[in-house]
Amino acid sequence: LAVDCPRTMCDAKMMQIIKGLWDVESLTTLAGLLDSTGRKPGDALAMAVAGHVTLRDGSAGPFFKLANLKPGDTVLYRAEGTEYTYTVTTIETVPASDTVKLYVENGAALLLTTCADWDASIRAYRNRLIVTTMLTSQRKAQ
């Protein structure tokens, strides 16, 4: 999995909290950095990036295959000319309302999150999938 974050995309797709929830409607086919978490690798808090599992039209979102990741898999994050390599450490499903798990006091972590467990009866996802990764290396992008 690769997450590209050119400076302009990160700035434009910073997800803000509105009425206690992140406004993720504008994401569509992009992933967005949650603005109350870390802003770059090495910050006091881990960065948390959200993306849709499916789009409004039912097609696959950018994090459609996020649930397929396993511990030990690699995630590449590119920003401002640097490529950061992260290794998946944990994958968990939590209630959708549980946002506390997205605040990790470790700037070497990168959290990827999307919706999980679609419930057709209420036409909504019941849970949130959180993939935690840890920085293993970084280098200038080529």
Protein backbone atom coordinates (compact mmCIF):
# COMPACT_ATOMS: atom_id res chain seq x y z
CA LEU A 1 0.00 0.00 0.00
CA ALA A 2 1.32 3.42 -0.87
CA VAL A 3 0.00 6.70 0.50
CA ASP A 4 1.17 9.71 -1.50
CA CYS A 5 0.90 13.06 0.19
CA PRO A 6 2.14 15.89 -2.02
CA ARG A 7 2.17 19.09 -0.02
CA THR A 8 -0.87 20.52 -1.81
CA MET A 9 -2.96 17.38 -1.27
CA CYS A 10 -2.15 17.25 2.43
CA ASP A 11 -3.05 20.89 2.87
CA ALA A 12 -6.26 20.59 0.85
CA LYS A 13 -7.37 17.30 2.37
CA MET A 14 -6.75 17.99 6.04
CA MET A 15 -9.88 16.57 7.65
CA GLN A 16 -11.33 18.91 10.24
CA ILE A 17 -13.59 18.05 13.15
CA ILE A 18 -17.11 19.42 12.73
CA LYS A 19 -19.67 18.83 15.49
CA GLY A 20 -17.41 16.25 17.10
CA LEU A 21 -16.82 14.25 13.89
CA TRP A 22 -14.28 14.47 11.09
CA ASP A 23 -15.75 15.82 7.88
CA VAL A 24 -14.72 13.03 5.52
CA GLU A 25 -17.39 13.58 2.85
CA SER A 26 -15.03 15.62 0.67
CA LEU A 27 -12.42 12.85 0.54
CA THR A 28 -14.03 10.86 -2.29
CA THR A 29 -11.14 9.02 -3.97
CA LEU A 30 -8.39 10.54 -1.82
CA ALA A 31 -7.07 9.79 1.65
CA GLY A 32 -6.87 12.63 4.15
CA LEU A 33 -4.79 13.44 7.19
CA LEU A 34 -6.89 13.94 10.33
CA ASP A 35 -6.03 17.45 11.50
CA SER A 36 -6.02 16.85 15.25
CA THR A 37 -3.39 14.10 14.99
CA GLY A 38 0.28 14.33 13.97
CA ARG A 39 1.01 16.40 10.87
CA LYS A 40 4.28 14.77 9.82
CA PRO A 41 6.47 11.81 10.73
CA GLY A 42 8.22 12.46 14.05
CA ASP A 43 5.54 14.73 15.56
CA ALA A 44 4.51 14.10 19.17
CA LEU A 45 1.35 12.32 17.97
CA ALA A 46 1.13 9.65 15.29
CA MET A 47 -0.32 10.76 11.98
CA ALA A 48 -3.78 9.31 11.26
CA VAL A 49 -4.91 9.04 7.65
CA ALA A 50 -8.53 8.26 6.75
CA GLY A 51 -9.96 7.03 3.48
CA HIS A 52 -13.25 5.59 2.30
CA VAL A 53 -13.63 1.83 1.95
CA THR A 54 -16.44 2.39 -0.58
CA LEU A 55 -17.70 5.47 -2.36
CA ARG A 56 -21.29 6.75 -2.53
CA ASP A 57 -21.84 4.98 -5.85
CA GLY A 58 -20.75 1.66 -4.31
CA SER A 59 -17.38 1.55 -6.07
CA ALA A 60 -14.14 0.85 -4.23
CA GLY A 61 -12.64 3.68 -2.21
CA PRO A 62 -8.91 4.29 -1.71
CA PHE A 63 -8.86 2.08 1.41
CA PHE A 64 -11.02 -0.71 -0.06
CA LYS A 65 -8.26 -3.28 0.51
CA LEU A 66 -7.04 -1.91 3.85
CA ALA A 67 -8.53 -4.91 5.67
CA ASN A 68 -6.30 -7.22 3.59
CA LEU A 69 -3.13 -5.92 5.27
CA LYS A 70 -1.41 -8.18 7.79
CA PRO A 71 1.24 -7.59 10.46
CA GLY A 72 4.61 -7.39 8.74
CA ASP A 73 3.23 -5.85 5.51
CA THR A 74 4.82 -2.64 4.27
CA VAL A 75 3.19 0.76 3.80
CA LEU A 76 4.97 3.54 1.90
CA TYR A 77 4.19 7.15 2.72
CA ARG A 78 5.64 9.86 0.48
CA ALA A 79 5.68 13.52 1.47
CA GLU A 80 7.79 16.52 0.55
CA GLY A 81 10.45 14.54 -1.29
CA THR A 82 10.89 11.81 1.32
CA GLU A 83 9.67 8.22 1.23
CA TYR A 84 8.86 6.71 4.62
CA THR A 85 8.57 2.95 4.99
CA TYR A 86 6.25 1.67 7.71
CA THR A 87 5.57 -1.89 8.84
CA VAL A 88 2.09 -2.98 9.88
CA THR A 89 2.08 -3.94 13.57
CA THR A 90 -1.61 -4.28 14.48
CA ILE A 91 -5.02 -4.32 12.85
CA GLU A 92 -8.12 -3.80 14.93
CA THR A 93 -11.79 -3.08 14.57
CA VAL A 94 -13.33 -0.69 17.07
CA PRO A 95 -16.75 0.95 17.40
CA ALA A 96 -17.12 3.85 14.96
CA SER A 97 -17.46 6.24 17.89
CA ASP A 98 -14.10 5.20 19.38
CA THR A 99 -11.79 7.95 18.16
CA VAL A 100 -9.44 7.74 21.15
CA LYS A 101 -7.48 4.97 19.42
CA LEU A 102 -6.52 7.47 16.69
CA TYR A 103 -4.49 9.52 19.17
CA VAL A 104 -1.20 7.73 19.72
CA GLU A 105 1.67 9.53 21.44
CA ASN A 106 4.32 8.12 19.14
CA GLY A 107 5.50 10.10 16.10
CA ALA A 108 7.02 6.95 14.60
CA ALA A 109 3.52 5.48 14.12
CA LEU A 110 1.20 5.98 11.17
CA LEU A 111 -2.45 5.00 11.57
CA LEU A 112 -4.65 4.18 8.59
CA THR A 113 -8.39 4.10 9.18
CA THR A 114 -11.58 3.39 7.30
CA CYS A 115 -15.12 2.22 7.97
CA ALA A 116 -15.85 -1.44 8.66
CA ASP A 117 -18.81 -3.80 9.04
CA TRP A 118 -21.53 -2.43 6.76
CA ASP A 119 -25.02 -2.87 8.21
CA ALA A 120 -27.60 -2.78 5.41
CA SER A 121 -30.47 -2.46 7.87
CA ILE A 122 -29.27 0.97 9.01
CA ARG A 123 -27.35 1.77 5.80
CA ALA A 124 -24.21 2.64 7.72
CA TYR A 125 -20.93 1.15 8.87
CA ARG A 126 -20.96 0.07 12.51
CA ASN A 127 -17.22 0.02 13.14
CA ARG A 128 -13.88 1.56 12.29
CA LEU A 129 -10.86 -0.38 11.06
CA ILE A 130 -7.52 0.91 12.35
CA VAL A 131 -4.22 -0.32 10.93
CA THR A 132 -1.24 0.72 13.04
CA THR A 133 2.17 0.88 11.38
CA MET A 134 5.61 1.81 12.69
CA LEU A 135 8.33 3.70 10.83
CA THR A 136 11.15 1.37 9.80
CA SER A 137 13.12 3.56 7.38
CA GLN A 138 13.13 6.76 5.38
CA ARG A 139 14.98 8.01 2.34
CA LYS A 140 14.85 10.79 -0.21
CA ALA A 141 12.31 9.92 -2.91
CA GLN A 142 13.65 9.36 -6.39
